[in-house]
PDB file of N, CA and C in Angstrom:
ATOM      1  N   MET A   1      -7.839 -21.323 -17.266  1.00  0.00           N
ATOM      2  CA  MET A   1      -8.559 -21.888 -16.455  1.00  0.00           C
ATOM      3  C   MET A   1      -7.996 -21.765 -15.255  1.00  0.00           C
ATOM      4  N   LEU A   2      -9.385 -22.694 -14.497  1.00  0.00           N
ATOM      5  CA  LEU A   2      -9.801 -22.143 -12.905  1.00  0.00           C
ATOM      6  C   LEU A   2      -9.274 -23.381 -12.237  1.00  0.00           C
ATOM      7  N   LEU A   3      -8.798 -23.309 -10.890  1.00  0.00           N
ATOM      8  CA  LEU A   3      -8.134 -23.775 -10.177  1.00  0.00           C
ATOM      9  C   LEU A   3      -9.308 -23.588  -8.634  1.00  0.00           C
ATOM     10  N   PRO A   4      -9.663 -24.732  -8.276  1.00  0.00           N
ATOM     11  CA  PRO A   4     -10.324 -25.171  -6.986  1.00  0.00           C
ATOM     12  C   PRO A   4      -9.597 -24.209  -5.358  1.00  0.00           C
ATOM     13  N   PHE A   5      -9.621 -23.872  -4.672  1.00  0.00           N
ATOM     14  CA  PHE A   5      -9.083 -22.571  -3.735  1.00  0.00           C
ATOM     15  C   PHE A   5      -8.735 -23.433  -2.833  1.00  0.00           C
ATOM     16  N   GLU A   6      -9.042 -24.839  -2.403  1.00  0.00           N
ATOM     17  CA  GLU A   6      -7.337 -25.488  -1.950  1.00  0.00           C
ATOM     18  C   GLU A   6      -6.584 -25.490  -2.518  1.00  0.00           C
ATOM     19  N   GLN A   7      -6.649 -26.023  -4.520  1.00  0.00           N
ATOM     20  CA  GLN A   7      -5.317 -25.957  -5.047  1.00  0.00           C
ATOM     21  C   GLN A   7      -4.173 -24.905  -5.216  1.00  0.00           C
ATOM     22  N   ARG A   8      -4.845 -23.349  -4.723  1.00  0.00           N
ATOM     23  CA  ARG A   8      -4.214 -22.447  -5.105  1.00  0.00           C
ATOM     24  C   ARG A   8      -2.864 -22.125  -3.983  1.00  0.00           C
ATOM     25  N   VAL A   9      -2.589 -21.496  -4.136  1.00  0.00           N
ATOM     26  CA  VAL A   9      -1.178 -21.189  -3.669  1.00  0.00           C
ATOM     27  C   VAL A   9      -1.081 -20.427  -2.368  1.00  0.00           C
ATOM     28  N   THR A  10      -0.597 -19.488  -1.420  1.00  0.00           N
ATOM     29  CA  THR A  10      -0.713 -18.138  -0.572  1.00  0.00           C
ATOM     30  C   THR A  10       0.344 -17.089  -1.542  1.00  0.00           C
ATOM     31  N   LEU A  11      -0.538 -15.990  -2.098  1.00  0.00           N
ATOM     32  CA  LEU A  11      -0.294 -14.968  -2.587  1.00  0.00           C
ATOM     33  C   LEU A  11       0.419 -13.463  -1.668  1.00  0.00           C
ATOM     34  N   PRO A  12       2.277 -13.372  -1.716  1.00  0.00           N
ATOM     35  CA  PRO A  12       1.820 -12.151  -1.109  1.00  0.00           C
ATOM     36  C   PRO A  12       0.950 -11.220  -0.929  1.00  0.00           C
ATOM     37  N   ALA A  13       0.291 -10.163   0.364  1.00  0.00           N
ATOM     38  CA  ALA A  13      -0.725  -9.246   0.815  1.00  0.00           C
ATOM     39  C   ALA A  13      -1.318  -8.616  -0.634  1.00  0.00           C
ATOM     40  N   ASP A  14      -0.015  -8.071  -1.094  1.00  0.00           N
ATOM     41  CA  ASP A  14      -0.160  -6.460  -2.640  1.00  0.00           C
ATOM     42  C   ASP A  14      -0.811  -7.494  -3.900  1.00  0.00           C
ATOM     43  N   SER A  15      -0.565  -8.815  -3.701  1.00  0.00           N
ATOM     44  CA  SER A  15      -1.263  -9.727  -5.054  1.00  0.00           C
ATOM     45  C   SER A  15      -2.107  -9.241  -5.555  1.00  0.00           C
ATOM     46  N   ILE A  16      -3.001  -9.259  -6.794  1.00  0.00           N
ATOM     47  CA  ILE A  16      -3.974  -9.311  -7.249  1.00  0.00           C
ATOM     48  C   ILE A  16      -4.615 -10.731  -7.458  1.00  0.00           C
ATOM     49  N   ARG A  17      -5.784 -10.591  -7.529  1.00  0.00           N
ATOM     50  CA  ARG A  17      -6.426 -12.161  -7.499  1.00  0.00           C
ATOM     51  C   ARG A  17      -6.927 -12.594  -7.941  1.00  0.00           C
ATOM     52  N   ILE A  18      -7.831 -12.774  -9.388  1.00  0.00           N
ATOM     53  CA  ILE A  18      -9.360 -13.034 -10.225  1.00  0.00           C
ATOM     54  C   ILE A  18     -10.026 -13.606  -9.224  1.00  0.00           C
ATOM     55  N   ASP A  19     -10.061 -14.265  -8.354  1.00  0.00           N
ATOM     56  CA  ASP A  19     -11.077 -15.060  -6.928  1.00  0.00           C
ATOM     57  C   ASP A  19     -11.910 -13.217  -6.845  1.00  0.00           C
ATOM     58  N   LEU A  20     -11.344 -11.911  -7.219  1.00  0.00           N
ATOM     59  CA  LEU A  20     -12.011 -10.930  -6.275  1.00  0.00           C
ATOM     60  C   LEU A  20     -13.984 -11.599  -7.153  1.00  0.00           C
ATOM     61  N   ILE A  21     -13.790 -11.517  -8.469  1.00  0.00           N
ATOM     62  CA  ILE A  21     -14.647 -11.707  -9.572  1.00  0.00           C
ATOM     63  C   ILE A  21     -15.889 -12.232  -7.910  1.00  0.00           C
ATOM     64  N   GLY A  22     -17.409 -12.681  -8.515  1.00  0.00           N
ATOM     65  CA  GLY A  22     -18.678 -12.690  -7.331  1.00  0.00           C
ATOM     66  C   GLY A  22     -18.147 -11.971  -6.409  1.00  0.00           C
ATOM     67  N   CYS A  23     -17.564 -10.904  -6.050  1.00  0.00           N
ATOM     68  CA  CYS A  23     -17.598 -11.027  -4.626  1.00  0.00           C
ATOM     69  C   CYS A  23     -17.864  -9.539  -4.255  1.00  0.00           C
ATOM     70  N   ALA A  24     -19.113  -9.639  -2.835  1.00  0.00           N
ATOM     71  CA  ALA A  24     -20.003  -8.255  -2.610  1.00  0.00           C
ATOM     72  C   ALA A  24     -19.168  -6.972  -2.698  1.00  0.00           C
ATOM     73  N   VAL A  25     -19.860  -5.916  -2.900  1.00  0.00           N
ATOM     74  CA  VAL A  25     -19.026  -4.346  -2.437  1.00  0.00           C
ATOM     75  C   VAL A  25     -19.049  -3.505  -1.744  1.00  0.00           C
ATOM     76  N   PHE A  26     -18.819  -3.617  -0.985  1.00  0.00           N
ATOM     77  CA  PHE A  26     -19.994  -2.288  -0.508  1.00  0.00           C
ATOM     78  C   PHE A  26     -19.130  -1.176   0.030  1.00  0.00           C
ATOM     79  N   GLU A  27     -20.256  -0.095  -0.236  1.00  0.00           N
ATOM     80  CA  GLU A  27     -19.546   1.304  -0.447  1.00  0.00           C
ATOM     81  C   GLU A  27     -19.665   1.777   1.055  1.00  0.00           C
ATOM     82  N   ASN A  28     -18.413   2.312   1.645  1.00  0.00           N
ATOM     83  CA  ASN A  28     -18.171   3.110   3.466  1.00  0.00           C
ATOM     84  C   ASN A  28     -19.503   4.051   3.290  1.00  0.00           C
ATOM     85  N   PRO A  29     -19.337   4.860   4.092  1.00  0.00           N
ATOM     86  CA  PRO A  29     -20.658   6.081   4.268  1.00  0.00           C
ATOM     87  C   PRO A  29     -18.944   6.653   4.116  1.00  0.00           C
ATOM     88  N   ALA A  30     -19.379   8.202   3.361  1.00  0.00           N
ATOM     89  CA  ALA A  30     -19.102   9.307   3.517  1.00  0.00           C
ATOM     90  C   ALA A  30     -17.823   9.664   4.368  1.00  0.00           C
ATOM     91  N   PHE A  31     -18.953  10.110   5.587  1.00  0.00           N
ATOM     92  CA  PHE A  31     -18.475  10.905   6.714  1.00  0.00           C
ATOM     93  C   PHE A  31     -18.939   9.916   7.936  1.00  0.00           C
ATOM     94  N   VAL A  32     -18.546  10.545   8.388  1.00  0.00           N
ATOM     95  CA  VAL A  32     -19.242   9.161  10.228  1.00  0.00           C
ATOM     96  C   VAL A  32     -19.692   9.952  10.593  1.00  0.00           C
ATOM     97  N   PRO A  33     -20.883  10.019  11.822  1.00  0.00           N
ATOM     98  CA  PRO A  33     -21.223  11.541  12.039  1.00  0.00           C
ATOM     99  C   PRO A  33     -20.661  10.722  14.014  1.00  0.00           C
ATOM    100  N   VAL A  34     -20.436  12.198  14.400  1.00  0.00           N
ATOM    101  CA  VAL A  34     -19.687  12.027  15.485  1.00  0.00           C
ATOM    102  C   VAL A  34     -20.250  12.007  16.751  1.00  0.00           C
ATOM    103  N   VAL A  35     -21.883  11.856  16.419  1.00  0.00           N
ATOM    104  CA  VAL A  35     -22.738  11.297  17.720  1.00  0.00           C
ATOM    105  C   VAL A  35     -24.442  11.443  16.692  1.00  0.00           C
ATOM    106  N   SER A  36     -23.945   9.654  17.610  1.00  0.00           N
ATOM    107  CA  SER A  36     -24.814   8.687  16.321  1.00  0.00           C
ATOM    108  C   SER A  36     -25.812   8.333  17.637  1.00  0.00           C
ATOM    109  N   SER A  37     -26.921   7.817  16.947  1.00  0.00           N
ATOM    110  CA  SER A  37     -27.678   7.314  18.716  1.00  0.00           C
ATOM    111  C   SER A  37     -27.723   6.051  19.522  1.00  0.00           C
ATOM    112  N   SER A  38     -26.672   5.418  18.284  1.00  0.00           N
ATOM    113  CA  SER A  38     -26.819   3.569  19.043  1.00  0.00           C
ATOM    114  C   SER A  38     -25.542   3.512  18.268  1.00  0.00           C
ATOM    115  N   PRO A  39     -24.285   2.909  19.661  1.00  0.00           N
ATOM    116  CA  PRO A  39     -22.834   2.311  18.646  1.00  0.00           C
ATOM    117  C   PRO A  39     -23.393   1.487  17.545  1.00  0.00           C
ATOM    118  N   CYS A  40     -24.447   1.120  17.191  1.00  0.00           N
ATOM    119  CA  CYS A  40     -24.594   0.351  15.883  1.00  0.00           C
ATOM    120  C   CYS A  40     -25.108   1.201  14.501  1.00  0.00           C
ATOM    121  N   SER A  41     -26.156   1.847  14.683  1.00  0.00           N
ATOM    122  CA  SER A  41     -26.071   3.339  13.886  1.00  0.00           C
ATOM    123  C   SER A  41     -26.142   2.776  12.420  1.00  0.00           C
ATOM    124  N   LEU A  42     -27.496   2.783  12.096  1.00  0.00           N
ATOM    125  CA  LEU A  42     -26.899   2.149  10.182  1.00  0.00           C
ATOM    126  C   LEU A  42     -26.320   3.498   8.856  1.00  0.00           C
ATOM    127  N   ALA A  43     -26.261   4.823  10.310  1.00  0.00           N
ATOM    128  CA  ALA A  43     -25.397   6.213   9.295  1.00  0.00           C
ATOM    129  C   ALA A  43     -24.601   5.552   9.214  1.00  0.00           C
ATOM    130  N   GLU A  44     -23.625   4.466  10.117  1.00  0.00           N
ATOM    131  CA  GLU A  44     -21.927   4.322   9.664  1.00  0.00           C
ATOM    132  C   GLU A  44     -21.600   2.378   9.362  1.00  0.00           C
ATOM    133  N   ALA A  45     -22.664   2.157   8.665  1.00  0.00           N
ATOM    134  CA  ALA A  45     -22.922   0.649   8.201  1.00  0.00           C
ATOM    135  C   ALA A  45     -23.190   0.263   6.705  1.00  0.00           C
ATOM    136  N   PRO A  46     -22.095  -0.164   6.658  1.00  0.00           N
ATOM    137  CA  PRO A  46     -21.835   0.264   4.367  1.00  0.00           C
ATOM    138  C   PRO A  46     -22.434  -0.386   4.069  1.00  0.00           C
ATOM    139  N   SER A  47     -23.269   0.508   3.042  1.00  0.00           N
ATOM    140  CA  SER A  47     -24.349  -0.018   2.087  1.00  0.00           C
ATOM    141  C   SER A  47     -23.800  -0.700   1.009  1.00  0.00           C
ATOM    142  N   LEU A  48     -24.904  -1.268   0.548  1.00  0.00           N
ATOM    143  CA  LEU A  48     -23.768  -2.782  -0.554  1.00  0.00           C
ATOM    144  C   LEU A  48     -24.269  -1.857  -1.970  1.00  0.00           C
ATOM    145  N   LEU A  49     -23.476  -2.508  -2.641  1.00  0.00           N
ATOM    146  CA  LEU A  49     -23.194  -1.697  -4.159  1.00  0.00           C
ATOM    147  C   LEU A  49     -23.415  -2.287  -5.630  1.00  0.00           C
ATOM    148  N   GLY A  50     -23.145  -3.383  -5.270  1.00  0.00           N
ATOM    149  CA  GLY A  50     -23.486  -4.660  -5.760  1.00  0.00           C
ATOM    150  C   GLY A  50     -22.404  -5.326  -6.447  1.00  0.00           C
ATOM    151  N   THR A  51     -22.439  -6.230  -6.901  1.00  0.00           N
ATOM    152  CA  THR A  51     -21.098  -6.863  -7.528  1.00  0.00           C
ATOM    153  C   THR A  51     -19.777  -7.461  -8.145  1.00  0.00           C
ATOM    154  N   VAL A  52     -18.916  -8.042  -8.000  1.00  0.00           N
ATOM    155  CA  VAL A  52     -17.757  -7.591  -9.153  1.00  0.00           C
ATOM    156  C   VAL A  52     -18.721  -8.994 -10.217  1.00  0.00           C
ATOM    157  N   ARG A  53     -17.968  -7.960 -10.747  1.00  0.00           N
ATOM    158  CA  ARG A  53     -17.908  -9.268 -12.112  1.00  0.00           C
ATOM    159  C   ARG A  53     -17.720  -9.520 -13.563  1.00  0.00           C
ATOM    160  N   ASP A  54     -15.747  -8.851 -13.384  1.00  0.00           N
ATOM    161  CA  ASP A  54     -15.079  -8.626 -14.491  1.00  0.00           C
ATOM    162  C   ASP A  54     -13.637  -8.086 -13.119  1.00  0.00           C
ATOM    163  N   VAL A  55     -12.338  -8.091 -13.636  1.00  0.00           N
ATOM    164  CA  VAL A  55     -11.812  -7.548 -13.409  1.00  0.00           C
ATOM    165  C   VAL A  55     -10.510  -6.965 -14.822  1.00  0.00           C
ATOM    166  N   GLN A  56     -10.826  -5.397 -14.810  1.00  0.00           N
ATOM    167  CA  GLN A  56      -9.396  -5.348 -16.101  1.00  0.00           C
ATOM    168  C   GLN A  56      -8.378  -5.322 -15.858  1.00  0.00           C
ATOM    169  N   PHE A  57      -7.646  -5.857 -16.447  1.00  0.00           N
ATOM    170  CA  PHE A  57      -6.189  -5.689 -15.991  1.00  0.00           C
ATOM    171  C   PHE A  57      -5.063  -4.549 -16.860  1.00  0.00           C
ATOM    172  N   PRO A  58      -4.354  -3.996 -17.010  1.00  0.00           N
ATOM    173  CA  PRO A  58      -3.619  -2.814 -17.604  1.00  0.00           C
ATOM    174  C   PRO A  58      -2.596  -3.631 -19.017  1.00  0.00           C
ATOM    175  N   GLY A  59      -2.658  -3.692 -19.270  1.00  0.00           N
ATOM    176  CA  GLY A  59      -1.665  -4.820 -20.704  1.00  0.00           C
ATOM    177  C   GLY A  59      -0.334  -3.903 -21.224  1.00  0.00           C
ATOM    178  N   GLU A  60      -0.415  -4.575 -21.328  1.00  0.00           N
ATOM    179  CA  GLU A  60       1.597  -4.350 -22.888  1.00  0.00           C
ATOM    180  C   GLU A  60       2.117  -2.580 -22.564  1.00  0.00           C
ATOM    181  N   GLU A  61       0.442  -2.131 -23.529  1.00  0.00           N
ATOM    182  CA  GLU A  61       0.543  -0.777 -24.526  1.00  0.00           C
ATOM    183  C   GLU A  61       0.063   0.176 -23.204  1.00  0.00           C
ATOM    184  N   ILE A  62      -0.605   0.092 -22.463  1.00  0.00           N
ATOM    185  CA  ILE A  62      -1.173   0.388 -21.401  1.00  0.00           C
ATOM    186  C   ILE A  62      -1.413   0.088 -19.603  1.00  0.00           C
ATOM    187  N   SER A  63      -0.676   1.672 -18.776  1.00  0.00           N
ATOM    188  CA  SER A  63      -0.391   0.728 -17.521  1.00  0.00           C
ATOM    189  C   SER A  63      -1.489   2.351 -16.926  1.00  0.00           C
ATOM    190  N   GLY A  64      -1.339   1.391 -15.772  1.00  0.00           N
ATOM    191  CA  GLY A  64      -2.393   1.875 -14.417  1.00  0.00           C
ATOM    192  C   GLY A  64      -2.906   0.964 -13.941  1.00  0.00           C
ATOM    193  N   THR A  65      -4.221   1.179 -13.399  1.00  0.00           N
ATOM    194  CA  THR A  65      -4.460   0.713 -12.108  1.00  0.00           C
ATOM    195  C   THR A  65      -5.580  -0.061 -12.435  1.00  0.00           C
ATOM    196  N   PRO A  66      -5.455  -1.697 -11.790  1.00  0.00           N
ATOM    197  CA  PRO A  66      -6.535  -2.531 -12.894  1.00  0.00           C
ATOM    198  C   PRO A  66      -7.720  -1.829 -12.276  1.00  0.00           C
ATOM    199  N   LEU A  67      -8.998  -3.025 -13.001  1.00  0.00           N
ATOM    200  CA  LEU A  67     -10.336  -1.827 -12.820  1.00  0.00           C
ATOM    201  C   LEU A  67     -10.841  -3.000 -12.185  1.00  0.00           C
ATOM    202  N   LEU A  68     -13.002  -3.057 -11.174  1.00  0.00           N
ATOM    203  CA  LEU A  68     -13.012  -3.827 -10.828  1.00  0.00           C
ATOM    204  C   LEU A  68     -14.150  -3.105 -11.962  1.00  0.00           C
ATOM    205  N   GLU A  69     -15.121  -4.308 -12.389  1.00  0.00           N
ATOM    206  CA  GLU A  69     -16.046  -3.859 -13.515  1.00  0.00           C
ATOM    207  C   GLU A  69     -16.924  -5.044 -12.359  1.00  0.00           C
ATOM    208  N   VAL A  70     -18.012  -3.703 -11.394  1.00  0.00           N
ATOM    209  CA  VAL A  70     -19.200  -3.555 -10.201  1.00  0.00           C
ATOM    210  C   VAL A  70     -20.438  -3.998 -11.604  1.00  0.00           C
ATOM    211  N   GLU A  71     -21.679  -4.981 -11.004  1.00  0.00           N
ATOM    212  CA  GLU A  71     -22.481  -4.517 -11.575  1.00  0.00           C
ATOM    213  C   GLU A  71     -22.702  -4.404 -10.362  1.00  0.00           C
ATOM    214  N   THR A  72     -24.663  -2.950 -10.725  1.00  0.00           N
ATOM    215  CA  THR A  72     -25.050  -2.282  -9.715  1.00  0.00           C
ATOM    216  C   THR A  72     -26.518  -2.283  -9.661  1.00  0.00           C
ATOM    217  N   SER A  73     -27.600  -2.081  -9.225  1.00  0.00           N
ATOM    218  CA  SER A  73     -28.201  -1.772  -9.306  1.00  0.00           C
ATOM    219  C   SER A  73     -28.618  -0.510 -10.887  1.00  0.00           C
ATOM    220  N   HIS A  74     -27.875  -0.144 -10.395  1.00  0.00           N
ATOM    221  CA  HIS A  74     -27.791   1.248 -11.388  1.00  0.00           C
ATOM    222  C   HIS A  74     -26.560   1.104 -12.580  1.00  0.00           C
ATOM    223  N   GLY A  75     -26.306  -0.599 -13.089  1.00  0.00           N
ATOM    224  CA  GLY A  75     -25.298  -0.181 -14.121  1.00  0.00           C
ATOM    225  C   GLY A  75     -23.889  -0.402 -13.763  1.00  0.00           C
ATOM    226  N   GLU A  76     -22.872  -0.818 -14.664  1.00  0.00           N
ATOM    227  CA  GLU A  76     -22.212  -0.666 -14.225  1.00  0.00           C
ATOM    228  C   GLU A  76     -21.098   0.396 -13.982  1.00  0.00           C
ATOM    229  N   VAL A  77     -20.124   0.299 -12.615  1.00  0.00           N
ATOM    230  CA  VAL A  77     -19.544   1.076 -12.323  1.00  0.00           C
ATOM    231  C   VAL A  77     -18.289   0.571 -12.226  1.00  0.00           C
ATOM    232  N   LEU A  78     -17.005   1.497 -13.025  1.00  0.00           N
ATOM    233  CA  LEU A  78     -15.702   0.861 -13.219  1.00  0.00           C
ATOM    234  C   LEU A  78     -14.736   1.454 -12.191  1.00  0.00           C
ATOM    235  N   ILE A  79     -14.743   0.458 -10.977  1.00  0.00           N
ATOM    236  CA  ILE A  79     -13.521   1.316  -9.425  1.00  0.00           C
ATOM    237  C   ILE A  79     -12.484   0.696  -9.823  1.00  0.00           C
ATOM    238  N   PRO A  80     -11.202   1.675  -9.652  1.00  0.00           N
ATOM    239  CA  PRO A  80      -9.933   1.335  -9.440  1.00  0.00           C
ATOM    240  C   PRO A  80      -8.977  -0.079  -8.325  1.00  0.00           C
ATOM    241  N   LEU A  81      -8.632  -0.657  -8.521  1.00  0.00           N
ATOM    242  CA  LEU A  81      -7.968  -1.301  -7.791  1.00  0.00           C
ATOM    243  C   LEU A  81      -7.385  -0.609  -7.350  1.00  0.00           C
ATOM    244  N   ALA A  82      -6.987   0.286  -6.172  1.00  0.00           N
ATOM    245  CA  ALA A  82      -6.466   0.727  -5.914  1.00  0.00           C
ATOM    246  C   ALA A  82      -6.932   1.402  -3.707  1.00  0.00           C
ATOM    247  N   VAL A  83      -5.755   1.516  -2.900  1.00  0.00           N
ATOM    248  CA  VAL A  83      -5.193   1.047  -1.673  1.00  0.00           C
ATOM    249  C   VAL A  83      -5.958   1.714  -0.696  1.00  0.00           C
ATOM    250  N   ASP A  84      -6.675   3.293  -1.804  1.00  0.00           N
ATOM    251  CA  ASP A  84      -6.850   4.512  -1.144  1.00  0.00           C
ATOM    252  C   ASP A  84      -8.717   3.915  -1.543  1.00  0.00           C
ATOM    253  N   ILE A  85      -9.299   3.602  -2.236  1.00  0.00           N
ATOM    254  CA  ILE A  85      -9.999   3.035  -3.134  1.00  0.00           C
ATOM    255  C   ILE A  85     -11.042   1.904  -2.016  1.00  0.00           C
ATOM    256  N   CYS A  86     -10.177   0.464  -2.273  1.00  0.00           N
ATOM    257  CA  CYS A  86     -10.429  -0.581  -1.857  1.00  0.00           C
ATOM    258  C   CYS A  86     -10.083  -0.745  -0.676  1.00  0.00           C
ATOM    259  N   ALA A  87     -11.223  -0.454   1.231  1.00  0.00           N
ATOM    260  CA  ALA A  87     -10.673  -0.385   2.417  1.00  0.00           C
ATOM    261  C   ALA A  87      -9.774  -1.642   1.940  1.00  0.00           C
ATOM    262  N   LYS A  88     -11.190  -2.306   1.945  1.00  0.00           N
ATOM    263  CA  LYS A  88     -10.367  -3.700   2.687  1.00  0.00           C
ATOM    264  C   LYS A  88     -10.817  -4.833   1.750  1.00  0.00           C
ATOM    265  N   ILE A  89     -10.428  -6.520   1.780  1.00  0.00           N
ATOM    266  CA  ILE A  89     -10.572  -6.825   0.490  1.00  0.00           C
ATOM    267  C   ILE A  89     -10.642  -8.566   1.386  1.00  0.00           C
ATOM    268  N   ASP A  90     -12.172  -9.279   1.301  1.00  0.00           N
ATOM    269  CA  ASP A  90     -11.168 -10.364   2.390  1.00  0.00           C
ATOM    270  C   ASP A  90     -12.422 -11.354   1.232  1.00  0.00           C
ATOM    271  N   THR A  91     -11.254 -12.075   0.372  1.00  0.00           N
ATOM    272  CA  THR A  91     -12.142 -13.301  -0.569  1.00  0.00           C
ATOM    273  C   THR A  91     -12.205 -14.081   0.260  1.00  0.00           C
ATOM    274  N   ALA A  92     -12.605 -14.535   1.435  1.00  0.00           N
ATOM    275  CA  ALA A  92     -12.924 -15.587   2.508  1.00  0.00           C
ATOM    276  C   ALA A  92     -13.990 -15.072   2.463  1.00  0.00           C
ATOM    277  N   ALA A  93     -14.620 -13.881   2.434  1.00  0.00           N
ATOM    278  CA  ALA A  93     -16.119 -13.677   3.480  1.00  0.00           C
ATOM    279  C   ALA A  93     -17.126 -12.947   2.048  1.00  0.00           C
ATOM    280  N   ARG A  94     -15.469 -13.370   0.631  1.00  0.00           N
ATOM    281  CA  ARG A  94     -16.195 -13.530  -0.971  1.00  0.00           C
ATOM    282  C   ARG A  94     -17.173 -10.951  -0.586  1.00  0.00           C
ATOM    283  N   ARG A  95     -16.040 -10.622  -0.579  1.00  0.00           N
ATOM    284  CA  ARG A  95     -16.282  -9.248   0.071  1.00  0.00           C
ATOM    285  C   ARG A  95     -15.269  -7.981   0.061  1.00  0.00           C
ATOM    286  N   ILE A  96     -15.845  -7.004  -0.530  1.00  0.00           N
ATOM    287  CA  ILE A  96     -14.614  -5.415  -0.291  1.00  0.00           C
ATOM    288  C   ILE A  96     -15.762  -4.492  -0.526  1.00  0.00           C
ATOM    289  N   ASP A  97     -15.189  -4.021   1.091  1.00  0.00           N
ATOM    290  CA  ASP A  97     -15.285  -2.756   1.470  1.00  0.00           C
ATOM    291  C   ASP A  97     -14.479  -1.720   0.235  1.00  0.00           C
ATOM    292  N   VAL A  98     -15.140  -0.555  -0.270  1.00  0.00           N
ATOM    293  CA  VAL A  98     -14.918   0.801  -0.762  1.00  0.00           C
ATOM    294  C   VAL A  98     -15.003   1.981  -0.246  1.00  0.00           C
ATOM    295  N   ASN A  99     -14.100   2.975  -0.539  1.00  0.00           N
ATOM    296  CA  ASN A  99     -13.979   4.500  -0.012  1.00  0.00           C
ATOM    297  C   ASN A  99     -13.962   5.308  -1.809  1.00  0.00           C
ATOM    298  N   LEU A 100     -15.043   5.581  -2.662  1.00  0.00           N
ATOM    299  CA  LEU A 100     -16.034   6.007  -3.349  1.00  0.00           C
ATOM    300  C   LEU A 100     -15.072   7.130  -3.535  1.00  0.00           C
ATOM    301  N   PRO A 101     -14.408   7.576  -4.388  1.00  0.00           N
ATOM    302  CA  PRO A 101     -14.477   9.262  -4.784  1.00  0.00           C
ATOM    303  C   PRO A 101     -15.486  10.146  -4.830  1.00  0.00           C
ATOM    304  N   GLU A 102     -15.766  11.322  -4.557  1.00  0.00           N
ATOM    305  CA  GLU A 102     -16.970  11.649  -4.710  1.00  0.00           C
ATOM    306  C   GLU A 102     -17.523  11.840  -6.335  1.00  0.00           C
ATOM    307  N   GLY A 103     -18.359  11.028  -6.827  1.00  0.00           N
ATOM    308  CA  GLY A 103     -18.603  11.513  -8.010  1.00  0.00           C
ATOM    309  C   GLY A 103     -18.595  10.693  -9.106  1.00  0.00           C
ATOM    310  N   LEU A 104     -18.322   9.039  -8.551  1.00  0.00           N
ATOM    311  CA  LEU A 104     -17.261   7.702  -9.007  1.00  0.00           C
ATOM    312  C   LEU A 104     -18.965   7.459  -9.101  1.00  0.00           C
ATOM    313  N   ARG A 105     -19.373   6.778  -8.171  1.00  0.00           N
ATOM    314  CA  ARG A 105     -20.348   5.985  -7.896  1.00  0.00           C
ATOM    315  C   ARG A 105     -21.487   6.960  -9.095  1.00  0.00           C
ATOM    316  N   ASP A 106     -21.501   8.012 -10.067  1.00  0.00           N
ATOM    317  CA  ASP A 106     -23.240   8.779 -10.364  1.00  0.00           C
ATOM    318  C   ASP A 106     -22.081   8.692 -11.779  1.00  0.00           C
ATOM    319  N   LEU A 107     -21.114   8.105 -12.614  1.00  0.00           N
ATOM    320  CA  LEU A 107     -20.572   8.086 -13.604  1.00  0.00           C
ATOM    321  C   LEU A 107     -21.119   7.657 -14.855  1.00  0.00           C
ATOM    322  N   ASN A 108     -21.469   6.921 -14.491  1.00  0.00           N
ATOM    323  CA  ASN A 108     -22.422   5.989 -15.070  1.00  0.00           C
ATOM    324  C   ASN A 108     -24.479   6.255 -15.367  1.00  0.00           C
ATOM    325  N   ARG A 109     -24.726   6.681 -14.960  1.00  0.00           N
ATOM    326  CA  ARG A 109     -26.058   7.508 -14.386  1.00  0.00           C
ATOM    327  C   ARG A 109     -26.473   8.583 -15.460  1.00  0.00           C
ATOM    328  N   GLU A 110     -27.991   8.457 -16.370  1.00  0.00           N
ATOM    329  CA  GLU A 110     -28.147   9.699 -16.941  1.00  0.00           C
ATOM    330  C   GLU A 110     -28.701  11.045 -16.341  1.00  0.00           C
TER     331      GLU A 110
END
């Protein structure tokens, strides 16, 4: 059952919420250049990766980190819902900023 936002209780900051579904996922650049042509350089801007389609939670038999199912233009990418990967989660803005480990983005590409 889904609840309207105004009926939801406030959860602790480290709680996982299902309202992550539909959030836009932005990938932070792998490195920030020391010198850029302007303070608003596009090299430093996060790029849109995709949208959260679902959240996979580990069950009683399988332990681990929940996974975000992110639909991208290249297919689905599973992103661990971990503090060191999901740098910022803003449910009000419907946005998640991620720092992807090398190779994670390309796992599903042929």
